[in-house]
Amino acid sequence: MTGVAFSFGYSDASAFSRAYRGWFGESPTQARHRMSGEN
């Protein structure tokens, strides 16, 4: 996820994760699990 965070201009993954949660209402990890069908 660090690479994704940097590509969106965030200096660290935790800042990106907080922003992602604000935009989508779930963490990037939760979204990844949901999209892959994991519980």
N, C-alpha and C. Protein backbone atom coordinates (compact mmCIF):
# COMPACT_ATOMS: atom_id res chain seq x y z
N MET A 1 0.82 -1.19 0.00
CA MET A 1 0.00 0.00 0.00
C MET A 1 0.86 1.25 0.00
N THR A 2 2.08 1.16 0.47
CA THR A 2 2.95 2.32 0.51
C THR A 2 3.13 2.92 -0.87
N GLY A 3 3.30 2.08 -1.88
CA GLY A 3 3.44 2.57 -3.25
C GLY A 3 2.22 3.33 -3.72
N VAL A 4 1.05 2.83 -3.36
CA VAL A 4 -0.20 3.52 -3.72
C VAL A 4 -0.27 4.86 -3.02
N ALA A 5 0.07 4.88 -1.74
CA ALA A 5 0.04 6.13 -0.97
C ALA A 5 0.97 7.17 -1.60
N PHE A 6 2.19 6.76 -1.94
CA PHE A 6 3.13 7.70 -2.56
C PHE A 6 2.63 8.18 -3.92
N SER A 7 2.01 7.30 -4.69
CA SER A 7 1.54 7.70 -6.03
C SER A 7 0.41 8.72 -5.94
N PHE A 8 -0.30 8.76 -4.80
CA PHE A 8 -1.35 9.74 -4.60
C PHE A 8 -0.86 10.97 -3.84
N GLY A 9 0.45 11.03 -3.59
CA GLY A 9 1.04 12.20 -2.97
C GLY A 9 1.09 12.19 -1.45
N TYR A 10 0.83 11.05 -0.83
CA TYR A 10 0.89 10.95 0.62
C TYR A 10 2.29 10.54 1.05
N SER A 11 2.76 11.10 2.15
CA SER A 11 4.11 10.82 2.61
C SER A 11 4.23 9.48 3.34
N ASP A 12 3.10 8.98 3.84
CA ASP A 12 3.15 7.66 4.47
C ASP A 12 1.81 6.95 4.31
N ALA A 13 1.85 5.65 4.48
CA ALA A 13 0.67 4.82 4.25
C ALA A 13 -0.44 5.11 5.26
N SER A 14 -0.10 5.45 6.49
CA SER A 14 -1.14 5.69 7.48
C SER A 14 -1.97 6.93 7.15
N ALA A 15 -1.34 7.96 6.62
CA ALA A 15 -2.08 9.15 6.22
C ALA A 15 -3.04 8.82 5.07
N PHE A 16 -2.56 8.03 4.12
CA PHE A 16 -3.42 7.62 3.01
C PHE A 16 -4.58 6.76 3.53
N SER A 17 -4.29 5.86 4.44
CA SER A 17 -5.33 4.98 4.99
C SER A 17 -6.42 5.79 5.69
N ARG A 18 -6.03 6.80 6.45
CA ARG A 18 -7.02 7.66 7.12
C ARG A 18 -7.86 8.40 6.09
N ALA A 19 -7.23 8.94 5.06
CA ALA A 19 -7.98 9.65 4.02
C ALA A 19 -8.92 8.70 3.29
N TYR A 20 -8.44 7.51 2.96
CA TYR A 20 -9.25 6.50 2.27
C TYR A 20 -10.49 6.17 3.09
N ARG A 21 -10.28 5.98 4.40
CA ARG A 21 -11.41 5.67 5.27
C ARG A 21 -12.43 6.82 5.27
N GLY A 22 -11.96 8.04 5.24
CA GLY A 22 -12.87 9.19 5.18
C GLY A 22 -13.65 9.25 3.88
N TRP A 23 -13.00 8.90 2.77
CA TRP A 23 -13.66 8.94 1.47
C TRP A 23 -14.66 7.80 1.28
N PHE A 24 -14.27 6.59 1.69
CA PHE A 24 -15.05 5.40 1.35
C PHE A 24 -15.71 4.71 2.53
N GLY A 25 -15.42 5.14 3.75
CA GLY A 25 -16.06 4.56 4.92
C GLY A 25 -15.52 3.21 5.35
N GLU A 26 -14.39 2.81 4.79
CA GLU A 26 -13.72 1.58 5.19
C GLU A 26 -12.24 1.72 4.89
N SER A 27 -11.44 0.93 5.58
CA SER A 27 -10.00 1.01 5.36
C SER A 27 -9.62 0.34 4.04
N PRO A 28 -8.46 0.65 3.50
CA PRO A 28 -8.01 -0.04 2.29
C PRO A 28 -7.95 -1.56 2.48
N THR A 29 -7.55 -1.99 3.66
CA THR A 29 -7.49 -3.43 3.93
C THR A 29 -8.89 -4.04 3.89
N GLN A 30 -9.86 -3.37 4.50
CA GLN A 30 -11.23 -3.87 4.46
C GLN A 30 -11.74 -3.93 3.03
N ALA A 31 -11.45 -2.92 2.23
CA ALA A 31 -11.88 -2.90 0.83
C ALA A 31 -11.25 -4.04 0.06
N ARG A 32 -9.97 -4.28 0.28
CA ARG A 32 -9.28 -5.37 -0.41
C ARG A 32 -9.91 -6.72 -0.06
N HIS A 33 -10.21 -6.92 1.22
CA HIS A 33 -10.84 -8.18 1.63
C HIS A 33 -12.23 -8.31 1.01
N ARG A 34 -13.00 -7.23 1.03
CA ARG A 34 -14.35 -7.26 0.47
C ARG A 34 -14.31 -7.58 -1.02
N MET A 35 -13.40 -6.96 -1.75
CA MET A 35 -13.32 -7.15 -3.20
C MET A 35 -12.80 -8.53 -3.57
N SER A 36 -12.01 -9.12 -2.69
CA SER A 36 -11.45 -10.45 -3.01
C SER A 36 -12.35 -11.57 -2.50
N GLY A 37 -13.41 -11.22 -1.79
CA GLY A 37 -14.32 -12.23 -1.26
C GLY A 37 -13.89 -12.82 0.06
N GLU A 38 -12.84 -12.26 0.67
CA GLU A 38 -12.39 -12.74 1.98
C GLU A 38 -13.27 -12.15 3.06
N ASN A 39 -13.33 -12.83 4.20
CA ASN A 39 -14.10 -12.31 5.34
C ASN A 39 -13.23 -11.58 6.29
